[in-house]
C-alpha cells in the first residue's frame, strides 16, 4: 500500500477541526487550508483510520469532527 506524503497537511486539518468543534465538511476543510477537496479527503480518511477524526452524516452532508479527548 502506498503511503501519503503528509508534509504537515494532517496537522493543518487537525488544527482547523480544533477551531470548529461543531464539525466541518470536507469542502469547508479544503477551503480553510487551501487544498482541493479530493486531496483533503485522502488525509481525512487516513485520520479516520488512525482514530483521530470521526465522520457523521447530517442530512446529505458528512461532517468531520475531532474525536473527543484527542488533542495533538
C-alpha atoms as a PDB file:
ATOM      1  CA  UNK A   1       0.000   0.000   0.000  1.00  0.00           C
ATOM      2  CA  UNK A   2       1.285   3.417  -0.962  1.00  0.00           C
ATOM      3  CA  UNK A   3       1.781   5.917   1.865  1.00  0.00           C
ATOM      4  CA  UNK A   4       0.731   9.550   1.653  1.00  0.00           C
ATOM      5  CA  UNK A   5       3.396  12.220   1.927  1.00  0.00           C
ATOM      6  CA  UNK A   6       1.984  14.261   4.762  1.00  0.00           C
ATOM      7  CA  UNK A   7       4.071  17.467   4.738  1.00  0.00           C
ATOM      8  CA  UNK A   8       2.073  18.796   7.703  1.00  0.00           C
ATOM      9  CA  UNK A   9      -1.310  18.506   5.990  1.00  0.00           C
ATOM     10  CA  UNK A  10      -2.757  16.237   8.677  1.00  0.00           C
ATOM     11  CA  UNK A  11      -1.700  18.716  11.349  1.00  0.00           C
ATOM     12  CA  UNK A  12      -3.394  21.548   9.411  1.00  0.00           C
ATOM     13  CA  UNK A  13      -6.622  19.549   9.201  1.00  0.00           C
ATOM     14  CA  UNK A  14      -6.469  18.784  12.925  1.00  0.00           C
ATOM     15  CA  UNK A  15      -5.835  22.460  13.721  1.00  0.00           C
ATOM     16  CA  UNK A  16      -8.855  23.560  11.657  1.00  0.00           C
ATOM     17  CA  UNK A  17     -11.105  20.992  13.329  1.00  0.00           C
ATOM     18  CA  UNK A  18      -9.882  22.084  16.786  1.00  0.00           C
ATOM     19  CA  UNK A  19     -11.225  25.563  15.973  1.00  0.00           C
ATOM     20  CA  UNK A  20     -14.562  24.136  14.783  1.00  0.00           C
ATOM     21  CA  UNK A  21     -15.959  21.663  17.319  1.00  0.00           C
ATOM     22  CA  UNK A  22     -19.323  21.879  15.508  1.00  0.00           C
ATOM     23  CA  UNK A  23     -17.728  19.918  12.657  1.00  0.00           C
ATOM     24  CA  UNK A  24     -16.879  20.797   9.075  1.00  0.00           C
ATOM     25  CA  UNK A  25     -17.492  19.238   5.676  1.00  0.00           C
ATOM     26  CA  UNK A  26     -14.510  18.246   3.575  1.00  0.00           C
ATOM     27  CA  UNK A  27     -15.256  21.196   1.298  1.00  0.00           C
ATOM     28  CA  UNK A  28     -15.065  23.574   4.272  1.00  0.00           C
ATOM     29  CA  UNK A  29     -11.823  21.977   5.486  1.00  0.00           C
ATOM     30  CA  UNK A  30     -10.368  22.269   1.977  1.00  0.00           C
ATOM     31  CA  UNK A  31     -11.264  25.957   1.768  1.00  0.00           C
ATOM     32  CA  UNK A  32      -9.789  26.640   5.214  1.00  0.00           C
ATOM     33  CA  UNK A  33      -6.398  25.109   4.382  1.00  0.00           C
ATOM     34  CA  UNK A  34      -6.225  25.963   0.680  1.00  0.00           C
ATOM     35  CA  UNK A  35      -6.327  22.454  -0.776  1.00  0.00           C
ATOM     36  CA  UNK A  36      -8.617  20.712  -3.235  1.00  0.00           C
ATOM     37  CA  UNK A  37     -11.464  18.742  -1.628  1.00  0.00           C
ATOM     38  CA  UNK A  38     -10.368  15.438  -3.201  1.00  0.00           C
ATOM     39  CA  UNK A  39      -6.872  15.774  -1.735  1.00  0.00           C
ATOM     40  CA  UNK A  40      -8.291  16.707   1.671  1.00  0.00           C
ATOM     41  CA  UNK A  41     -10.478  13.585   1.624  1.00  0.00           C
ATOM     42  CA  UNK A  42      -7.389  11.352   1.366  1.00  0.00           C
ATOM     43  CA  UNK A  43      -5.915  12.866   4.522  1.00  0.00           C
ATOM     44  CA  UNK A  44      -9.246  12.944   6.366  1.00  0.00           C
ATOM     45  CA  UNK A  45      -9.836   9.246   5.683  1.00  0.00           C
ATOM     46  CA  UNK A  46      -6.289   8.494   6.833  1.00  0.00           C
ATOM     47  CA  UNK A  47      -7.020  10.391  10.075  1.00  0.00           C
ATOM     48  CA  UNK A  48     -10.302   8.498  10.461  1.00  0.00           C
ATOM     49  CA  UNK A  49      -8.338   5.259  10.090  1.00  0.00           C
ATOM     50  CA  UNK A  50      -5.907   6.441  12.767  1.00  0.00           C
ATOM     51  CA  UNK A  51      -8.832   7.132  15.112  1.00  0.00           C
ATOM     52  CA  UNK A  52      -8.216  10.890  15.323  1.00  0.00           C
ATOM     53  CA  UNK A  53     -11.235  12.096  13.349  1.00  0.00           C
ATOM     54  CA  UNK A  54     -14.787  10.816  13.198  1.00  0.00           C
ATOM     55  CA  UNK A  55     -17.358  11.481  10.492  1.00  0.00           C
ATOM     56  CA  UNK A  56     -21.128  11.844  10.910  1.00  0.00           C
ATOM     57  CA  UNK A  57     -23.844  12.169   8.283  1.00  0.00           C
ATOM     58  CA  UNK A  58     -26.126  15.168   8.790  1.00  0.00           C
ATOM     59  CA  UNK A  59     -28.716  15.109   6.044  1.00  0.00           C
ATOM     60  CA  UNK A  60     -26.811  14.788   2.785  1.00  0.00           C
ATOM     61  CA  UNK A  61     -23.632  16.281   4.293  1.00  0.00           C
ATOM     62  CA  UNK A  62     -20.893  14.423   6.142  1.00  0.00           C
ATOM     63  CA  UNK A  63     -19.354  16.411   8.975  1.00  0.00           C
ATOM     64  CA  UNK A  64     -15.878  15.700  10.281  1.00  0.00           C
ATOM     65  CA  UNK A  65     -15.017  16.112  13.959  1.00  0.00           C
ATOM     66  CA  UNK A  66     -12.025  15.514  16.157  1.00  0.00           C
ATOM     67  CA  UNK A  67     -12.704  12.617  18.466  1.00  0.00           C
ATOM     68  CA  UNK A  68     -13.191  13.890  21.990  1.00  0.00           C
ATOM     69  CA  UNK A  69     -10.051  13.863  24.080  1.00  0.00           C
ATOM     70  CA  UNK A  70      -7.699  13.857  21.052  1.00  0.00           C
ATOM     71  CA  UNK A  71      -5.541  16.947  21.179  1.00  0.00           C
ATOM     72  CA  UNK A  72      -2.230  16.885  19.324  1.00  0.00           C
END
